[in-house]
Protein backbone atom coordinates (compact mmCIF):
# COMPACT_ATOMS: atom_id res chain seq x y z
CA MET A 1 5.71 10.13 -27.57
CA SER A 2 3.39 8.40 -25.10
CA ALA A 3 -0.29 9.28 -25.00
CA VAL A 4 -1.31 12.05 -22.60
CA VAL A 5 -4.74 12.36 -20.99
CA LYS A 6 -5.53 16.05 -21.32
CA SER A 7 -7.58 16.47 -18.16
CA ALA A 8 -5.03 14.59 -16.03
CA ASP A 9 -2.18 16.60 -17.55
CA ARG A 10 -4.00 19.87 -16.80
CA THR A 11 -4.74 18.77 -13.24
CA LEU A 12 -1.07 18.07 -12.60
CA ALA A 13 -0.09 21.38 -14.22
CA ILE A 14 -2.42 23.21 -11.82
CA LEU A 15 -0.93 21.40 -8.82
CA GLU A 16 2.61 22.16 -9.96
CA LEU A 17 1.71 25.84 -10.40
CA LEU A 18 0.12 26.12 -6.96
CA ILE A 19 3.06 24.35 -5.33
CA GLU A 20 5.21 27.18 -6.72
CA HIS A 21 2.75 29.78 -5.34
CA PRO A 22 1.99 28.79 -1.73
CA GLN A 23 0.15 32.08 -1.17
CA GLY A 24 -2.45 30.90 -3.68
CA LEU A 25 -3.77 32.09 -7.04
CA THR A 26 -7.22 33.10 -8.28
CA LEU A 27 -9.07 31.31 -11.04
CA ALA A 28 -8.20 34.12 -13.47
CA GLU A 29 -4.50 33.99 -12.54
CA ILE A 30 -4.35 30.23 -12.97
CA GLN A 31 -6.23 30.32 -16.27
CA ARG A 32 -4.09 33.16 -17.60
CA THR A 33 -0.80 31.56 -16.58
CA LEU A 34 -1.58 28.12 -17.95
CA GLU A 35 -3.66 29.33 -20.89
CA PHE A 36 -6.37 26.76 -20.26
CA PRO A 37 -10.04 27.35 -21.15
CA LYS A 38 -11.75 29.17 -18.28
CA SER A 39 -14.69 26.78 -17.98
CA SER A 40 -12.59 23.59 -17.83
CA THR A 41 -10.10 25.24 -15.46
CA TYR A 42 -12.94 26.11 -13.09
CA MET A 43 -14.30 22.56 -13.21
CA LEU A 44 -10.88 21.08 -12.47
CA LEU A 45 -10.34 23.48 -9.56
CA THR A 46 -13.71 22.81 -7.96
CA THR A 47 -13.24 19.03 -8.37
CA MET A 48 -9.83 19.16 -6.67
CA GLU A 49 -11.28 21.35 -3.94
CA SER A 50 -14.13 18.90 -3.30
CA ARG A 51 -11.58 16.08 -2.92
CA GLY A 52 -9.42 18.08 -0.51
CA PHE A 53 -6.43 18.52 -2.82
CA LEU A 54 -7.06 22.26 -2.99
CA GLU A 55 -8.64 24.76 -0.63
CA VAL A 56 -10.08 28.21 -1.32
CA GLU A 57 -9.50 31.33 0.77
CA PRO A 58 -13.03 32.74 1.35
CA GLY A 59 -12.22 36.44 0.98
CA THR A 60 -9.79 36.47 -1.93
CA ARG A 61 -11.03 33.27 -3.65
CA ARG A 62 -7.43 32.18 -4.02
CA PHE A 63 -6.83 28.48 -4.55
CA ARG A 64 -4.05 26.86 -2.52
CA VAL A 65 -2.70 23.37 -2.01
CA GLY A 66 -5.01 21.40 0.32
CA ILE A 67 -4.54 18.90 3.10
CA ARG A 68 -4.86 15.81 0.88
CA LEU A 69 -1.81 16.77 -1.13
CA TRP A 70 0.13 17.23 2.10
CA GLN A 71 -1.06 13.81 3.27
CA ALA A 72 0.09 12.27 -0.01
CA GLY A 73 3.55 13.73 0.50
CA GLN A 74 3.63 12.50 4.08
CA SER A 75 2.69 9.00 2.96
CA TYR A 76 5.66 8.94 0.61
CA VAL A 77 7.98 10.04 3.40
CA LEU A 78 6.58 7.35 5.70
CA VAL A 79 7.05 4.64 3.07
CA SER A 80 10.59 5.77 2.29
CA ASP A 81 11.51 5.93 5.97
CA LEU A 82 9.91 2.54 6.63
CA GLU A 83 11.81 0.85 3.82
CA HIS A 84 15.13 2.27 5.02
CA LEU A 85 14.50 1.37 8.66
CA ALA A 86 13.08 -2.09 7.99
CA MET A 87 15.89 -3.33 5.74
CA PRO A 88 18.27 -4.54 8.51
CA TYR A 89 15.44 -6.49 10.15
CA MET A 90 14.39 -7.93 6.79
CA GLU A 91 17.97 -9.05 6.15
CA ARG A 92 18.12 -10.63 9.61
CA LEU A 93 14.84 -12.42 8.94
CA ARG A 94 16.15 -13.66 5.58
CA ASP A 95 19.30 -14.98 7.25
CA GLU A 96 17.25 -16.83 9.89
CA VAL A 97 15.01 -18.66 7.42
CA ASN A 98 16.97 -18.30 4.14
CA GLU A 99 13.80 -17.47 2.23
CA THR A 100 12.49 -14.40 0.39
CA VAL A 101 11.33 -11.54 2.61
CA GLN A 102 9.08 -8.74 1.37
CA LEU A 103 7.59 -5.53 2.76
CA ALA A 104 4.37 -4.05 1.40
CA THR A 105 1.88 -1.26 1.97
CA LEU A 106 -1.85 -1.12 1.28
CA ASP A 107 -3.20 1.06 -1.53
CA GLY A 108 -6.95 0.78 -1.89
CA THR A 109 -7.60 -2.93 -2.46
CA ASP A 110 -4.05 -3.78 -3.54
CA ASN A 111 -0.81 -4.51 -1.73
CA VAL A 112 2.22 -2.72 -3.18
CA TYR A 113 5.67 -4.20 -2.56
CA ILE A 114 8.15 -1.56 -1.38
CA ALA A 115 11.15 -3.69 -0.38
CA LYS A 116 12.48 -7.21 -0.93
CA VAL A 117 15.40 -9.34 0.26
CA ASP A 118 16.16 -12.48 -1.73
CA ALA A 119 17.09 -15.85 -0.30
CA ASP A 120 20.35 -17.62 -1.11
CA GLN A 121 18.52 -20.35 -2.99
CA GLN A 122 18.53 -21.50 -6.60
CA LEU A 123 14.73 -21.70 -6.55
CA ARG A 124 13.44 -18.34 -5.39
CA LEU A 125 10.35 -16.15 -5.64
CA ALA A 126 10.11 -14.22 -8.91
CA SER A 127 8.84 -10.85 -7.71
CA ARG A 128 10.01 -7.27 -7.67
CA VAL A 129 9.59 -4.01 -5.81
CA GLY A 130 6.82 -1.80 -7.19
CA VAL A 131 4.48 -4.63 -8.15
CA ARG A 132 0.90 -4.37 -6.92
CA LEU A 133 -1.33 -7.40 -6.40
CA PRO A 134 -4.94 -7.78 -5.22
CA ALA A 135 -4.80 -7.93 -1.44
CA TYR A 136 -7.48 -10.64 -1.22
CA ALA A 137 -5.20 -13.07 -3.10
CA THR A 138 -1.99 -12.76 -1.06
CA GLY A 139 -0.87 -13.46 2.48
CA ILE A 140 0.68 -10.04 2.88
CA GLY A 141 -2.50 -8.48 1.53
CA LYS A 142 -4.64 -10.22 4.16
CA ALA A 143 -2.17 -9.11 6.85
CA LEU A 144 -2.59 -5.54 5.61
CA LEU A 145 -6.38 -5.79 5.53
CA SER A 146 -6.42 -7.11 9.11
CA GLN A 147 -5.50 -3.57 10.18
CA LEU A 148 -8.81 -2.24 8.83
CA ASP A 149 -12.22 -2.76 10.42
CA ASP A 150 -14.78 -4.92 8.66
CA ASP A 151 -16.89 -1.98 7.49
CA GLU A 152 -13.96 -0.38 5.72
CA ILE A 153 -13.03 -3.67 4.06
CA ARG A 154 -16.62 -4.06 2.82
CA GLN A 155 -16.59 -0.51 1.51
CA ARG A 156 -13.29 -0.94 -0.32
CA PHE A 157 -14.27 -4.24 -1.92
CA ALA A 158 -17.93 -3.48 -2.60
CA GLU A 159 -17.39 -3.13 -6.36
CA VAL A 160 -14.43 -5.51 -6.70
CA GLU A 161 -14.81 -8.57 -8.89
CA PHE A 162 -12.89 -11.38 -7.20
CA GLN A 163 -10.74 -13.11 -9.79
CA ARG A 164 -9.72 -16.74 -9.30
CA PHE A 165 -5.96 -17.01 -9.91
CA THR A 166 -5.63 -20.56 -8.55
CA PRO A 167 -8.05 -23.09 -7.04
CA GLN A 168 -7.13 -21.69 -3.58
CA THR A 169 -7.92 -18.02 -4.33
CA LEU A 170 -10.61 -16.38 -2.18
CA THR A 171 -13.49 -15.50 -4.48
CA SER A 172 -15.97 -13.63 -2.29
CA LEU A 173 -16.09 -10.76 0.17
CA SER A 174 -17.53 -13.00 2.88
CA ALA A 175 -14.62 -15.43 2.50
CA LEU A 176 -12.18 -12.52 2.71
CA ILE A 177 -13.79 -11.16 5.89
CA LYS A 178 -13.58 -14.61 7.46
CA ALA A 179 -9.91 -14.93 6.50
CA VAL A 180 -9.13 -11.49 7.93
CA HIS A 181 -10.80 -12.46 11.22
CA GLU A 182 -8.47 -15.46 11.39
CA VAL A 183 -5.45 -13.20 10.82
CA ARG A 184 -6.52 -10.95 13.68
CA GLU A 185 -7.00 -13.92 16.00
CA ARG A 186 -3.68 -15.66 15.37
CA GLY A 187 -1.55 -12.61 14.51
CA TYR A 188 -0.37 -13.74 11.07
CA ALA A 189 -1.70 -14.55 7.60
CA VAL A 190 -0.95 -17.41 5.24
CA ASP A 191 -1.06 -17.72 1.47
CA ASN A 192 -1.19 -21.32 0.31
CA SER A 193 -0.70 -20.93 -3.47
CA GLU A 194 -3.58 -18.44 -3.63
CA TYR A 195 -1.98 -16.16 -6.22
CA THR A 196 1.10 -18.03 -7.46
CA PRO A 197 0.86 -21.83 -7.77
CA GLY A 198 3.46 -23.64 -5.69
CA VAL A 199 4.29 -20.69 -3.42
CA PHE A 200 3.55 -20.62 0.32
CA CYS A 201 3.72 -17.42 2.35
CA VAL A 202 3.33 -16.27 5.94
CA ALA A 203 2.86 -12.57 6.68
CA VAL A 204 2.53 -10.39 9.75
CA PRO A 205 0.90 -6.95 10.01
CA LEU A 206 2.95 -4.07 11.34
CA ASN A 207 0.30 -2.96 13.81
CA GLY A 208 0.15 0.46 15.40
CA ARG A 209 1.12 2.34 12.22
CA PRO A 210 -0.52 5.67 11.39
CA ARG A 211 -3.91 5.11 9.75
CA ALA A 212 -2.78 6.62 6.43
CA THR A 213 -0.12 3.97 5.81
CA LYS A 214 -0.65 0.26 6.46
CA ALA A 215 2.33 -2.09 6.19
CA ALA A 216 3.10 -5.81 6.54
CA LEU A 217 6.05 -8.18 6.31
CA SER A 218 6.12 -11.60 4.63
CA VAL A 219 8.27 -14.68 4.14
CA SER A 220 7.68 -16.67 0.94
CA PHE A 221 9.04 -20.02 -0.18
CA PRO A 222 8.19 -22.75 -2.69
CA GLU A 223 6.02 -25.68 -1.64
CA ALA A 224 8.97 -27.94 -2.47
CA ARG A 225 10.82 -26.60 0.60
CA LYS A 226 7.79 -26.31 2.88
CA THR A 227 7.99 -28.28 6.12
CA PRO A 228 6.15 -27.81 9.44
CA GLN A 229 9.46 -26.77 10.97
CA LEU A 230 10.12 -24.09 8.32
CA VAL A 231 6.58 -22.72 8.60
CA GLU A 232 6.87 -22.52 12.40
CA ARG A 233 10.28 -20.82 12.17
CA ALA A 234 9.04 -18.37 9.53
CA ILE A 235 6.05 -17.36 11.66
CA ALA A 236 8.15 -16.88 14.81
CA SER A 237 10.94 -14.98 13.04
CA ALA A 238 8.58 -12.79 11.02
CA THR A 239 6.57 -11.94 14.13
CA ALA A 240 9.75 -10.96 15.99
CA ALA A 241 11.01 -8.89 13.05
CA GLY A 242 7.67 -7.13 12.74
CA TYR A 243 7.65 -6.27 16.42
CA ASP A 244 11.22 -4.95 16.23
CA ILE A 245 10.38 -2.75 13.24
CA CYS A 246 7.34 -1.33 15.03
CA SER A 247 9.36 -0.74 18.20
CA ARG A 248 12.11 1.00 16.23
CA MET A 249 9.54 3.29 14.60
CA GLY A 250 8.00 4.03 17.98
CA TYR A 251 4.54 2.62 17.46
CA ALA A 252 4.64 -0.92 18.77
CA GLU A 253 1.44 -1.91 20.53
């Protein structure tokens, strides 16, 4: 059996219980139902309330699911809908350049890949859906960060230790801010072997998305196939695909 963190397990149990009781439950009802210690139950409830995952009805002191949990659910729906809608455009983009196409969202300081279409090539990008990578070290990550303002980027990366994955990796917040400015100016990001040696990537932000969910689209290929013509075609095709996805979702700028 895998290890279980007791406080995390109890937090999830409380959320599951309150999801089943939308009218809310008091501290005593929650503690009695779950048979948790009263003091730790109270601390968990007040912590979740302070973070917006629970709210308390003033008169009855009943705890109910809060707005943050609703937002989390909405984010999942948006990601699922985006993946389903974007796939035809990703396949079209793959057919135009015959290189790997990926779709990712931003989670904190990481980009998380949510969809991928492989190229019909013997040498292809070894990646998979669900992987998360530091956004400062990837093209798609910089495209995602370009949708945030500088203050938010500084806040998110204030405590991040920049790891050097290759000689080309950005290793400071100031270098990241500069790179993001360049993405905003030209409309696309590049990754020249910054995370994976020998891999070049161009990425475009899907601008106009709801603030809670940032997304971007990328084309990746090995340096061995990189030519000025392929880079130019990848940028143009990715930009067009990104615009079409945004238009289809109804939030193109």
